[in-house]
Amino acid sequence: MQRTDHRPGGTMKILITGGTGFVGSAMAQGHVVTVIGSSGKSCRRHQALADLSCITADTTRPGPWQDAVASQDALINLAGKSVFTLWTKAAKAAILDSRIETTRNLVAAIPKGNGMVLLSASAAGYYGNGGEEEHSEAHPGGSDFLARVCREWEALAQGAEDKGARVVIMRLAVVLGKAGGALQSMRLPFQLGLGGPIGKGRQWFPWIHLADLVAAAQFLLDCESCHGPFNCSAPEAVRQIEFARTLAAQLGRPAFFPAPAPLMRLALGEFGQSLLQGQKVLPRALEEKGFVFSYPKLEQALRDLLHR
């Protein structure tokens, strides 16, 4: 796709669903950006940023927010309810619907023949319980709840190709950043010396530094030959116990307190079981296209996020 020169330097017009969240906020820079947030409060936090406008809308429903789609050079689809909750029947429906209906409505609003780019999020959970096998983008999906959500999510996004859009699927690993996400949740217990592995910690733990994810998104926007799925994960694969030990070491604390597997299943049910699984996800497609990670190793990434 050729950039539309709305301003000197070829700045793109980009609309981001879920754009007021942890990842979306980091991507809302360097372009003329419209973000869609679910509440007026989340929008007000972003109004002071230059070159950014915010729409308050429920993207799971068709509405006036869709009118903004046609004028964009690119769409970044990040909307989705957090999976970090007890998976009741209602919670699972919200996790699924927030992704599926938003994507359905976003694709429906794309005009035919526009030639825009759609970067649509998915997750490493696409691969299900990956065991010891290395998972590149060519591997088939899993069969558990999150894998089924990802498969349906991706299929709807791929439908934008029928309208002439270039579609890229970003299968996100656990995103590590300073201002939110998993690292913020884990930091306090580890600082208190109460951190440790989940279960035995042998499951693989895919991760990526937020700065590398933002850089990868820009790379994929610019790469006209890039389409289909891309694993957005760091090239250094680690087990969950390695992650816990490295985080504890960076904080100068021990990692003595594992979360026992039976307790995880008892307290969190199906979601607890998913935390005991993992995927050895490798960013083969990104590296083959020439993307270079700034934070390929976990110790380096955590040092930057915790001490810089």
C-alpha atoms as a PDB file:
ATOM      1  CA  MET A   1       0.000   0.000   0.000  1.00  0.00           C
ATOM      2  CA  GLN A   2       1.250   3.468  -0.844  1.00  0.00           C
ATOM      3  CA  ARG A   3       0.911   5.868   2.023  1.00  0.00           C
ATOM      4  CA  THR A   4      -1.399   8.811   1.568  1.00  0.00           C
ATOM      5  CA  ASP A   5       0.596  11.969   2.205  1.00  0.00           C
ATOM      6  CA  HIS A   6      -1.805  13.666   4.575  1.00  0.00           C
ATOM      7  CA  ARG A   7       1.224  15.450   6.022  1.00  0.00           C
ATOM      8  CA  PRO A   8       4.907  15.686   5.132  1.00  0.00           C
ATOM      9  CA  GLY A   9       6.681  12.397   5.721  1.00  0.00           C
ATOM     10  CA  GLY A  10       3.853  10.182   4.506  1.00  0.00           C
ATOM     11  CA  THR A  11       1.982  10.046   7.810  1.00  0.00           C
ATOM     12  CA  MET A  12      -0.859   7.531   7.726  1.00  0.00           C
ATOM     13  CA  LYS A  13      -4.417   7.921   8.899  1.00  0.00           C
ATOM     14  CA  ILE A  14      -5.038   4.991  11.238  1.00  0.00           C
ATOM     15  CA  LEU A  15      -8.100   3.884  13.183  1.00  0.00           C
ATOM     16  CA  ILE A  16      -7.499   1.660  16.218  1.00  0.00           C
ATOM     17  CA  THR A  17     -10.279  -0.330  17.874  1.00  0.00           C
ATOM     18  CA  GLY A  18      -9.420  -0.948  21.505  1.00  0.00           C
ATOM     19  CA  GLY A  19      -7.114   2.023  21.061  1.00  0.00           C
ATOM     20  CA  THR A  20      -7.400   3.338  24.626  1.00  0.00           C
ATOM     21  CA  GLY A  21      -6.035   0.128  26.154  1.00  0.00           C
ATOM     22  CA  PHE A  22      -2.506  -0.806  27.183  1.00  0.00           C
ATOM     23  CA  VAL A  23      -1.309  -1.871  23.716  1.00  0.00           C
ATOM     24  CA  GLY A  24      -3.483   0.500  21.707  1.00  0.00           C
ATOM     25  CA  SER A  25      -2.257   3.551  23.594  1.00  0.00           C
ATOM     26  CA  ALA A  26       1.343   2.685  22.724  1.00  0.00           C
ATOM     27  CA  MET A  27       0.479   2.362  19.038  1.00  0.00           C
ATOM     28  CA  ALA A  28      -1.348   5.699  18.927  1.00  0.00           C
ATOM     29  CA  GLN A  29       1.725   7.735  18.012  1.00  0.00           C
ATOM     30  CA  GLY A  30       3.520   8.957  14.927  1.00  0.00           C
ATOM     31  CA  HIS A  31       0.451   9.100  12.703  1.00  0.00           C
ATOM     32  CA  VAL A  32      -2.932  10.807  12.475  1.00  0.00           C
ATOM     33  CA  VAL A  33      -4.833   8.411  14.711  1.00  0.00           C
ATOM     34  CA  THR A  34      -8.464   7.857  15.597  1.00  0.00           C
ATOM     35  CA  VAL A  35      -8.928   5.564  18.574  1.00  0.00           C
ATOM     36  CA  ILE A  36     -12.166   3.973  19.651  1.00  0.00           C
ATOM     37  CA  GLY A  37     -12.725   3.571  23.373  1.00  0.00           C
ATOM     38  CA  SER A  38     -15.577   1.994  25.271  1.00  0.00           C
ATOM     39  CA  SER A  39     -16.068   4.910  27.681  1.00  0.00           C
ATOM     40  CA  GLY A  40     -15.884   8.679  27.779  1.00  0.00           C
ATOM     41  CA  LYS A  41     -13.371   8.436  30.612  1.00  0.00           C
ATOM     42  CA  SER A  42     -10.910   6.433  28.534  1.00  0.00           C
ATOM     43  CA  CYS A  43     -11.301   8.908  25.673  1.00  0.00           C
ATOM     44  CA  ARG A  44     -10.678  11.932  27.880  1.00  0.00           C
ATOM     45  CA  ARG A  45      -7.295  10.508  28.898  1.00  0.00           C
ATOM     46  CA  HIS A  46      -6.224  10.624  25.246  1.00  0.00           C
ATOM     47  CA  GLN A  47      -7.690  13.931  24.103  1.00  0.00           C
ATOM     48  CA  ALA A  48      -4.550  15.942  24.973  1.00  0.00           C
ATOM     49  CA  LEU A  49      -2.406  13.950  22.526  1.00  0.00           C
ATOM     50  CA  ALA A  50      -1.572  15.682  19.260  1.00  0.00           C
ATOM     51  CA  ASP A  51      -2.910  14.192  16.025  1.00  0.00           C
ATOM     52  CA  LEU A  52      -5.308  11.952  17.925  1.00  0.00           C
ATOM     53  CA  SER A  53      -9.072  11.904  18.117  1.00  0.00           C
ATOM     54  CA  CYS A  54     -11.187   9.542  20.153  1.00  0.00           C
ATOM     55  CA  ILE A  55     -14.613   8.073  19.517  1.00  0.00           C
ATOM     56  CA  THR A  56     -16.644   6.563  22.351  1.00  0.00           C
ATOM     57  CA  ALA A  57     -18.508   3.528  21.055  1.00  0.00           C
ATOM     58  CA  ASP A  58     -19.463  -0.083  21.661  1.00  0.00           C
ATOM     59  CA  THR A  59     -17.785  -1.655  18.651  1.00  0.00           C
ATOM     60  CA  THR A  60     -19.686  -4.916  19.125  1.00  0.00           C
ATOM     61  CA  ARG A  61     -22.669  -3.023  17.724  1.00  0.00           C
ATOM     62  CA  PRO A  62     -23.014  -1.318  14.347  1.00  0.00           C
ATOM     63  CA  GLY A  63     -23.153   2.449  14.688  1.00  0.00           C
ATOM     64  CA  PRO A  64     -21.888   5.861  13.597  1.00  0.00           C
ATOM     65  CA  TRP A  65     -18.335   4.874  14.565  1.00  0.00           C
ATOM     66  CA  GLN A  66     -18.187   2.829  11.359  1.00  0.00           C
ATOM     67  CA  ASP A  67     -18.391   6.039   9.303  1.00  0.00           C
ATOM     68  CA  ALA A  68     -14.774   6.793  10.266  1.00  0.00           C
ATOM     69  CA  VAL A  69     -13.450   3.620   8.606  1.00  0.00           C
ATOM     70  CA  ALA A  70     -13.638   4.647   4.945  1.00  0.00           C
ATOM     71  CA  SER A  71     -11.239   7.603   5.264  1.00  0.00           C
ATOM     72  CA  GLN A  72      -8.396   5.594   6.830  1.00  0.00           C
ATOM     73  CA  ASP A  73      -5.186   4.282   5.301  1.00  0.00           C
ATOM     74  CA  ALA A  74      -4.979   1.486   7.881  1.00  0.00           C
ATOM     75  CA  LEU A  75      -6.993  -0.205  10.609  1.00  0.00           C
ATOM     76  CA  ILE A  76      -5.554  -1.814  13.733  1.00  0.00           C
ATOM     77  CA  ASN A  77      -8.048  -4.105  15.424  1.00  0.00           C
ATOM     78  CA  LEU A  78      -7.198  -4.664  19.103  1.00  0.00           C
ATOM     79  CA  ALA A  79     -10.605  -4.686  20.785  1.00  0.00           C
ATOM     80  CA  GLY A  80     -11.418  -7.542  23.138  1.00  0.00           C
ATOM     81  CA  LYS A  81     -12.406  -8.207  26.728  1.00  0.00           C
ATOM     82  CA  SER A  82      -9.579  -9.358  28.988  1.00  0.00           C
ATOM     83  CA  VAL A  83      -9.221 -13.122  29.351  1.00  0.00           C
ATOM     84  CA  PHE A  84      -7.760 -12.686  32.856  1.00  0.00           C
ATOM     85  CA  THR A  85     -10.935 -13.499  34.736  1.00  0.00           C
ATOM     86  CA  LEU A  86     -12.926 -16.476  35.958  1.00  0.00           C
ATOM     87  CA  TRP A  87     -14.358 -18.077  32.832  1.00  0.00           C
ATOM     88  CA  THR A  88     -18.031 -18.214  33.665  1.00  0.00           C
ATOM     89  CA  LYS A  89     -20.463 -18.803  30.822  1.00  0.00           C
ATOM     90  CA  ALA A  90     -21.139 -15.058  30.667  1.00  0.00           C
ATOM     91  CA  ALA A  91     -17.426 -14.185  30.752  1.00  0.00           C
ATOM     92  CA  LYS A  92     -16.641 -16.574  27.891  1.00  0.00           C
ATOM     93  CA  ALA A  93     -19.464 -15.081  25.840  1.00  0.00           C
ATOM     94  CA  ALA A  94     -18.066 -11.572  26.449  1.00  0.00           C
ATOM     95  CA  ILE A  95     -14.527 -12.671  25.527  1.00  0.00           C
ATOM     96  CA  LEU A  96     -15.799 -14.160  22.264  1.00  0.00           C
ATOM     97  CA  ASP A  97     -18.354 -11.498  21.318  1.00  0.00           C
ATOM     98  CA  SER A  98     -16.055  -8.541  21.997  1.00  0.00           C
ATOM     99  CA  ARG A  99     -13.631  -9.883  19.411  1.00  0.00           C
ATOM    100  CA  ILE A 100     -15.962 -11.467  16.894  1.00  0.00           C
ATOM    101  CA  GLU A 101     -18.630  -8.778  16.683  1.00  0.00           C
ATOM    102  CA  THR A 102     -16.102  -5.935  16.632  1.00  0.00           C
ATOM    103  CA  THR A 103     -14.212  -7.588  13.779  1.00  0.00           C
ATOM    104  CA  ARG A 104     -17.419  -8.348  11.911  1.00  0.00           C
ATOM    105  CA  ASN A 105     -18.540  -4.708  12.159  1.00  0.00           C
ATOM    106  CA  LEU A 106     -15.111  -3.340  11.261  1.00  0.00           C
ATOM    107  CA  VAL A 107     -14.835  -5.467   8.117  1.00  0.00           C
ATOM    108  CA  ALA A 108     -18.402  -4.599   7.137  1.00  0.00           C
ATOM    109  CA  ALA A 109     -17.468  -0.895   7.167  1.00  0.00           C
ATOM    110  CA  ILE A 110     -14.457  -1.281   4.822  1.00  0.00           C
ATOM    111  CA  PRO A 111     -15.355   0.061   1.372  1.00  0.00           C
ATOM    112  CA  LYS A 112     -14.593  -2.217  -1.548  1.00  0.00           C
ATOM    113  CA  GLY A 113     -11.451  -1.465  -3.500  1.00  0.00           C
ATOM    114  CA  ASN A 114     -10.027   0.938  -0.906  1.00  0.00           C
ATOM    115  CA  GLY A 115      -6.685  -0.866  -0.674  1.00  0.00           C
ATOM    116  CA  MET A 116      -6.242  -0.169   3.029  1.00  0.00           C
ATOM    117  CA  VAL A 117      -4.316  -2.359   5.469  1.00  0.00           C
ATOM    118  CA  LEU A 118      -5.977  -4.250   8.312  1.00  0.00           C
ATOM    119  CA  LEU A 119      -3.751  -5.377  11.191  1.00  0.00           C
ATOM    120  CA  SER A 120      -5.969  -7.586  13.301  1.00  0.00           C
ATOM    121  CA  ALA A 121      -4.930  -8.998  16.652  1.00  0.00           C
ATOM    122  CA  SER A 122      -5.066 -12.649  17.563  1.00  0.00           C
ATOM    123  CA  ALA A 123      -3.067 -14.457  20.236  1.00  0.00           C
ATOM    124  CA  ALA A 124      -0.464 -17.144  20.802  1.00  0.00           C
ATOM    125  CA  GLY A 125      -3.375 -19.023  22.343  1.00  0.00           C
ATOM    126  CA  TYR A 126      -4.328 -19.855  18.750  1.00  0.00           C
ATOM    127  CA  TYR A 127      -2.023 -22.879  19.080  1.00  0.00           C
ATOM    128  CA  GLY A 128      -3.777 -24.253  22.176  1.00  0.00           C
ATOM    129  CA  ASN A 129      -1.773 -26.451  24.524  1.00  0.00           C
ATOM    130  CA  GLY A 130       1.437 -26.461  22.515  1.00  0.00           C
ATOM    131  CA  GLY A 131       3.475 -28.899  24.583  1.00  0.00           C
ATOM    132  CA  GLU A 132       7.125 -29.080  23.564  1.00  0.00           C
ATOM    133  CA  GLU A 133       6.650 -28.459  19.848  1.00  0.00           C
ATOM    134  CA  GLU A 134       7.927 -25.250  18.257  1.00  0.00           C
ATOM    135  CA  HIS A 135       5.081 -23.308  16.671  1.00  0.00           C
ATOM    136  CA  SER A 136       5.647 -21.223  13.583  1.00  0.00           C
ATOM    137  CA  GLU A 137       2.825 -19.572  11.675  1.00  0.00           C
ATOM    138  CA  ALA A 138       2.360 -22.693   9.541  1.00  0.00           C
ATOM    139  CA  HIS A 139       1.246 -24.852  12.474  1.00  0.00           C
ATOM    140  CA  PRO A 140      -2.471 -25.624  12.852  1.00  0.00           C
ATOM    141  CA  GLY A 141      -4.555 -24.168  15.652  1.00  0.00           C
ATOM    142  CA  GLY A 142      -5.506 -25.873  18.891  1.00  0.00           C
ATOM    143  CA  SER A 143      -8.908 -27.033  20.082  1.00  0.00           C
ATOM    144  CA  ASP A 144      -9.439 -25.373  23.488  1.00  0.00           C
ATOM    145  CA  PHE A 145     -11.600 -22.310  24.142  1.00  0.00           C
ATOM    146  CA  LEU A 146      -8.989 -19.644  23.392  1.00  0.00           C
ATOM    147  CA  ALA A 147      -7.844 -21.460  20.265  1.00  0.00           C
ATOM    148  CA  ARG A 148     -11.432 -21.560  18.991  1.00  0.00           C
ATOM    149  CA  VAL A 149     -11.873 -17.856  19.741  1.00  0.00           C
ATOM    150  CA  CYS A 150      -8.676 -17.021  17.839  1.00  0.00           C
ATOM    151  CA  ARG A 151      -9.606 -19.181  14.872  1.00  0.00           C
ATOM    152  CA  GLU A 152     -13.014 -17.498  14.453  1.00  0.00           C
ATOM    153  CA  TRP A 153     -11.499 -14.058  15.101  1.00  0.00           C
ATOM    154  CA  GLU A 154      -8.878 -14.550  12.404  1.00  0.00           C
ATOM    155  CA  ALA A 155     -11.333 -15.936   9.870  1.00  0.00           C
ATOM    156  CA  LEU A 156     -13.554 -12.862  10.127  1.00  0.00           C
ATOM    157  CA  ALA A 157     -10.580 -10.528   9.727  1.00  0.00           C
ATOM    158  CA  GLN A 158      -9.374 -12.428   6.660  1.00  0.00           C
ATOM    159  CA  GLY A 159     -12.743 -11.636   5.080  1.00  0.00           C
ATOM    160  CA  ALA A 160     -11.489  -8.090   4.491  1.00  0.00           C
ATOM    161  CA  GLU A 161      -9.379  -9.476   1.647  1.00  0.00           C
ATOM    162  CA  ASP A 162     -12.600  -9.855  -0.336  1.00  0.00           C
ATOM    163  CA  LYS A 163     -12.864  -6.060  -0.228  1.00  0.00           C
ATOM    164  CA  GLY A 164      -9.316  -5.548  -1.464  1.00  0.00           C
ATOM    165  CA  ALA A 165      -7.657  -4.935   1.900  1.00  0.00           C
ATOM    166  CA  ARG A 166      -4.251  -6.347   2.789  1.00  0.00           C
ATOM    167  CA  VAL A 167      -4.833  -8.353   5.961  1.00  0.00           C
ATOM    168  CA  VAL A 168      -2.178  -9.125   8.556  1.00  0.00           C
ATOM    169  CA  ILE A 169      -2.956 -11.240  11.624  1.00  0.00           C
ATOM    170  CA  MET A 170      -0.809 -10.463  14.683  1.00  0.00           C
ATOM    171  CA  ARG A 171      -0.705 -13.488  17.011  1.00  0.00           C
ATOM    172  CA  LEU A 172       0.319 -11.706  20.185  1.00  0.00           C
ATOM    173  CA  ALA A 173       2.451 -13.210  22.919  1.00  0.00           C
ATOM    174  CA  VAL A 174       2.246 -11.822  26.476  1.00  0.00           C
ATOM    175  CA  VAL A 175       3.097  -8.142  26.055  1.00  0.00           C
ATOM    176  CA  LEU A 176       5.529  -6.727  28.620  1.00  0.00           C
ATOM    177  CA  GLY A 177       5.431  -2.979  29.248  1.00  0.00           C
ATOM    178  CA  LYS A 178       5.826  -0.452  32.034  1.00  0.00           C
ATOM    179  CA  ALA A 179       2.385   1.098  32.133  1.00  0.00           C
ATOM    180  CA  GLY A 180       0.110  -1.928  32.265  1.00  0.00           C
ATOM    181  CA  GLY A 181      -0.448  -5.482  31.153  1.00  0.00           C
ATOM    182  CA  ALA A 182       0.951  -8.646  32.684  1.00  0.00           C
ATOM    183  CA  LEU A 183       4.175  -7.152  34.071  1.00  0.00           C
ATOM    184  CA  GLN A 184       2.336  -4.531  36.098  1.00  0.00           C
ATOM    185  CA  SER A 185       0.119  -7.240  37.609  1.00  0.00           C
ATOM    186  CA  MET A 186       3.062  -9.479  38.491  1.00  0.00           C
ATOM    187  CA  ARG A 187       5.481  -6.838  39.763  1.00  0.00           C
ATOM    188  CA  LEU A 188       4.041  -6.268  43.259  1.00  0.00           C
ATOM    189  CA  PRO A 189       3.881  -9.902  44.413  1.00  0.00           C
ATOM    190  CA  PHE A 190       7.410 -10.481  43.110  1.00  0.00           C
ATOM    191  CA  GLN A 191       8.647  -7.324  44.850  1.00  0.00           C
ATOM    192  CA  LEU A 192       7.146  -8.669  48.066  1.00  0.00           C
ATOM    193  CA  GLY A 193       9.001 -11.950  47.598  1.00  0.00           C
ATOM    194  CA  LEU A 194       5.744 -13.802  46.947  1.00  0.00           C
ATOM    195  CA  GLY A 195       6.309 -14.557  43.278  1.00  0.00           C
ATOM    196  CA  GLY A 196       7.059 -17.869  41.675  1.00  0.00           C
ATOM    197  CA  PRO A 197       6.205 -20.193  38.816  1.00  0.00           C
ATOM    198  CA  ILE A 198       2.707 -21.312  37.898  1.00  0.00           C
ATOM    199  CA  GLY A 199       2.468 -25.022  38.645  1.00  0.00           C
ATOM    200  CA  LYS A 200       5.796 -26.675  37.913  1.00  0.00           C
ATOM    201  CA  GLY A 201       6.635 -23.881  35.490  1.00  0.00           C
ATOM    202  CA  ARG A 202       7.626 -26.240  32.685  1.00  0.00           C
ATOM    203  CA  GLN A 203       5.113 -24.739  30.247  1.00  0.00           C
ATOM    204  CA  TRP A 204       6.486 -22.413  27.575  1.00  0.00           C
ATOM    205  CA  PHE A 205       5.839 -18.708  28.082  1.00  0.00           C
ATOM    206  CA  PRO A 206       5.703 -16.602  24.888  1.00  0.00           C
ATOM    207  CA  TRP A 207       6.433 -12.904  25.485  1.00  0.00           C
ATOM    208  CA  ILE A 208       7.325  -9.669  23.675  1.00  0.00           C
ATOM    209  CA  HIS A 209       8.538  -6.226  24.772  1.00  0.00           C
ATOM    210  CA  LEU A 210       5.920  -3.564  24.057  1.00  0.00           C
ATOM    211  CA  ALA A 211       8.441  -1.489  22.097  1.00  0.00           C
ATOM    212  CA  ASP A 212       9.114  -4.441  19.793  1.00  0.00           C
ATOM    213  CA  LEU A 213       5.394  -5.000  19.293  1.00  0.00           C
ATOM    214  CA  VAL A 214       4.867  -1.369  18.313  1.00  0.00           C
ATOM    215  CA  ALA A 215       7.862  -1.570  15.958  1.00  0.00           C
ATOM    216  CA  ALA A 216       6.553  -4.822  14.467  1.00  0.00           C
ATOM    217  CA  ALA A 217       3.153  -3.248  13.830  1.00  0.00           C
ATOM    218  CA  GLN A 218       4.802  -0.360  11.976  1.00  0.00           C
ATOM    219  CA  PHE A 219       6.945  -2.833  10.032  1.00  0.00           C
ATOM    220  CA  LEU A 220       3.852  -4.787   9.002  1.00  0.00           C
ATOM    221  CA  LEU A 221       2.031  -1.610   7.976  1.00  0.00           C
ATOM    222  CA  ASP A 222       4.930  -0.670   5.706  1.00  0.00           C
ATOM    223  CA  CYS A 223       5.650  -4.145   4.305  1.00  0.00           C
ATOM    224  CA  GLU A 224       3.502  -4.442   1.195  1.00  0.00           C
ATOM    225  CA  SER A 225       4.364  -8.141   0.786  1.00  0.00           C
ATOM    226  CA  CYS A 226       3.312  -8.971   4.354  1.00  0.00           C
ATOM    227  CA  HIS A 227      -0.058 -10.656   4.735  1.00  0.00           C
ATOM    228  CA  GLY A 228      -1.561 -13.495   6.745  1.00  0.00           C
ATOM    229  CA  PRO A 229      -0.466 -14.562  10.247  1.00  0.00           C
ATOM    230  CA  PHE A 230       2.644 -13.328  12.058  1.00  0.00           C
ATOM    231  CA  ASN A 231       3.717 -14.532  15.503  1.00  0.00           C
ATOM    232  CA  CYS A 232       4.446 -11.369  17.493  1.00  0.00           C
ATOM    233  CA  SER A 233       6.703 -12.952  20.092  1.00  0.00           C
ATOM    234  CA  ALA A 234      10.342 -12.533  21.082  1.00  0.00           C
ATOM    235  CA  PRO A 235      12.779 -14.966  19.436  1.00  0.00           C
ATOM    236  CA  GLU A 236      14.060 -16.215  22.817  1.00  0.00           C
ATOM    237  CA  ALA A 237      11.596 -18.850  23.998  1.00  0.00           C
ATOM    238  CA  VAL A 238      11.509 -19.343  27.778  1.00  0.00           C
ATOM    239  CA  ARG A 239       9.635 -21.623  30.153  1.00  0.00           C
ATOM    240  CA  GLN A 240       7.388 -20.064  32.759  1.00  0.00           C
ATOM    241  CA  ILE A 241       9.779 -20.986  35.566  1.00  0.00           C
ATOM    242  CA  GLU A 242      12.607 -19.202  33.706  1.00  0.00           C
ATOM    243  CA  PHE A 243      10.432 -16.139  33.372  1.00  0.00           C
ATOM    244  CA  ALA A 244       9.623 -16.168  37.109  1.00  0.00           C
ATOM    245  CA  ARG A 245      13.283 -16.561  38.093  1.00  0.00           C
ATOM    246  CA  THR A 246      14.462 -13.840  35.717  1.00  0.00           C
ATOM    247  CA  LEU A 247      11.807 -11.398  36.913  1.00  0.00           C
ATOM    248  CA  ALA A 248      12.641 -12.130  40.556  1.00  0.00           C
ATOM    249  CA  ALA A 249      16.364 -11.676  39.908  1.00  0.00           C
ATOM    250  CA  GLN A 250      15.791  -8.314  38.240  1.00  0.00           C
ATOM    251  CA  LEU A 251      13.848  -7.203  41.317  1.00  0.00           C
ATOM    252  CA  GLY A 252      16.420  -8.632  43.711  1.00  0.00           C
ATOM    253  CA  ARG A 253      13.910 -11.023  45.228  1.00  0.00           C
ATOM    254  CA  PRO A 254      13.549 -14.803  45.514  1.00  0.00           C
ATOM    255  CA  ALA A 255      10.994 -16.796  43.515  1.00  0.00           C
ATOM    256  CA  PHE A 256      10.054 -19.316  46.204  1.00  0.00           C
ATOM    257  CA  PHE A 257       6.272 -19.345  45.996  1.00  0.00           C
ATOM    258  CA  PRO A 258       4.855 -21.394  43.137  1.00  0.00           C
ATOM    259  CA  ALA A 259       1.131 -21.352  42.461  1.00  0.00           C
ATOM    260  CA  PRO A 260       0.219 -25.058  42.777  1.00  0.00           C
ATOM    261  CA  ALA A 261      -1.566 -26.514  39.775  1.00  0.00           C
ATOM    262  CA  PRO A 262      -4.505 -27.955  41.779  1.00  0.00           C
ATOM    263  CA  LEU A 263      -5.072 -24.564  43.408  1.00  0.00           C
ATOM    264  CA  MET A 264      -5.032 -22.806  40.030  1.00  0.00           C
ATOM    265  CA  ARG A 265      -7.635 -25.219  38.691  1.00  0.00           C
ATOM    266  CA  LEU A 266      -9.757 -24.924  41.830  1.00  0.00           C
ATOM    267  CA  ALA A 267      -9.643 -21.126  42.049  1.00  0.00           C
ATOM    268  CA  LEU A 268      -9.794 -20.226  38.352  1.00  0.00           C
ATOM    269  CA  GLY A 269     -11.328 -23.269  36.705  1.00  0.00           C
ATOM    270  CA  GLU A 270     -10.864 -23.449  32.933  1.00  0.00           C
ATOM    271  CA  PHE A 271      -8.817 -20.240  32.892  1.00  0.00           C
ATOM    272  CA  GLY A 272      -6.525 -21.674  35.566  1.00  0.00           C
ATOM    273  CA  GLN A 273      -5.993 -24.725  33.394  1.00  0.00           C
ATOM    274  CA  SER A 274      -5.081 -22.491  30.445  1.00  0.00           C
ATOM    275  CA  LEU A 275      -2.358 -20.820  32.547  1.00  0.00           C
ATOM    276  CA  LEU A 276      -0.813 -24.242  33.123  1.00  0.00           C
ATOM    277  CA  GLN A 277      -0.483 -24.700  29.365  1.00  0.00           C
ATOM    278  CA  GLY A 278       1.852 -22.864  27.050  1.00  0.00           C
ATOM    279  CA  GLN A 279       3.146 -22.499  23.535  1.00  0.00           C
ATOM    280  CA  LYS A 280       6.711 -22.379  22.246  1.00  0.00           C
ATOM    281  CA  VAL A 281       5.959 -19.654  19.719  1.00  0.00           C
ATOM    282  CA  LEU A 282       8.669 -18.424  17.342  1.00  0.00           C
ATOM    283  CA  PRO A 283       8.465 -15.307  15.126  1.00  0.00           C
ATOM    284  CA  ARG A 284       9.600 -17.062  11.968  1.00  0.00           C
ATOM    285  CA  ALA A 285       7.572 -14.976   9.508  1.00  0.00           C
ATOM    286  CA  LEU A 286       8.683 -11.641  10.982  1.00  0.00           C
ATOM    287  CA  GLU A 287      12.347 -12.623  10.940  1.00  0.00           C
ATOM    288  CA  GLU A 288      12.132 -13.993   7.399  1.00  0.00           C
ATOM    289  CA  LYS A 289      10.758 -10.624   6.274  1.00  0.00           C
ATOM    290  CA  GLY A 290      13.720  -8.874   7.891  1.00  0.00           C
ATOM    291  CA  PHE A 291      12.315  -7.526  11.155  1.00  0.00           C
ATOM    292  CA  VAL A 292      14.977  -7.033  13.838  1.00  0.00           C
ATOM    293  CA  PHE A 293      14.024  -7.188  17.515  1.00  0.00           C
ATOM    294  CA  SER A 294      15.446  -4.565  19.881  1.00  0.00           C
ATOM    295  CA  TYR A 295      14.760  -6.820  22.886  1.00  0.00           C
ATOM    296  CA  PRO A 296      15.213 -10.438  21.780  1.00  0.00           C
ATOM    297  CA  LYS A 297      16.253 -11.726  25.233  1.00  0.00           C
ATOM    298  CA  LEU A 298      14.129 -11.730  28.371  1.00  0.00           C
ATOM    299  CA  GLU A 299      16.783 -10.445  30.791  1.00  0.00           C
ATOM    300  CA  GLN A 300      17.499  -7.521  28.489  1.00  0.00           C
ATOM    301  CA  ALA A 301      13.794  -6.704  28.137  1.00  0.00           C
ATOM    302  CA  LEU A 302      13.068  -6.850  31.878  1.00  0.00           C
ATOM    303  CA  ARG A 303      16.132  -4.771  32.688  1.00  0.00           C
ATOM    304  CA  ASP A 304      14.879  -2.069  30.343  1.00  0.00           C
ATOM    305  CA  LEU A 305      11.330  -2.124  31.703  1.00  0.00           C
ATOM    306  CA  LEU A 306      12.195  -2.305  35.390  1.00  0.00           C
ATOM    307  CA  HIS A 307      15.342  -0.180  35.694  1.00  0.00           C
ATOM    308  CA  ARG A 308      15.602   2.308  32.836  1.00  0.00           C
END
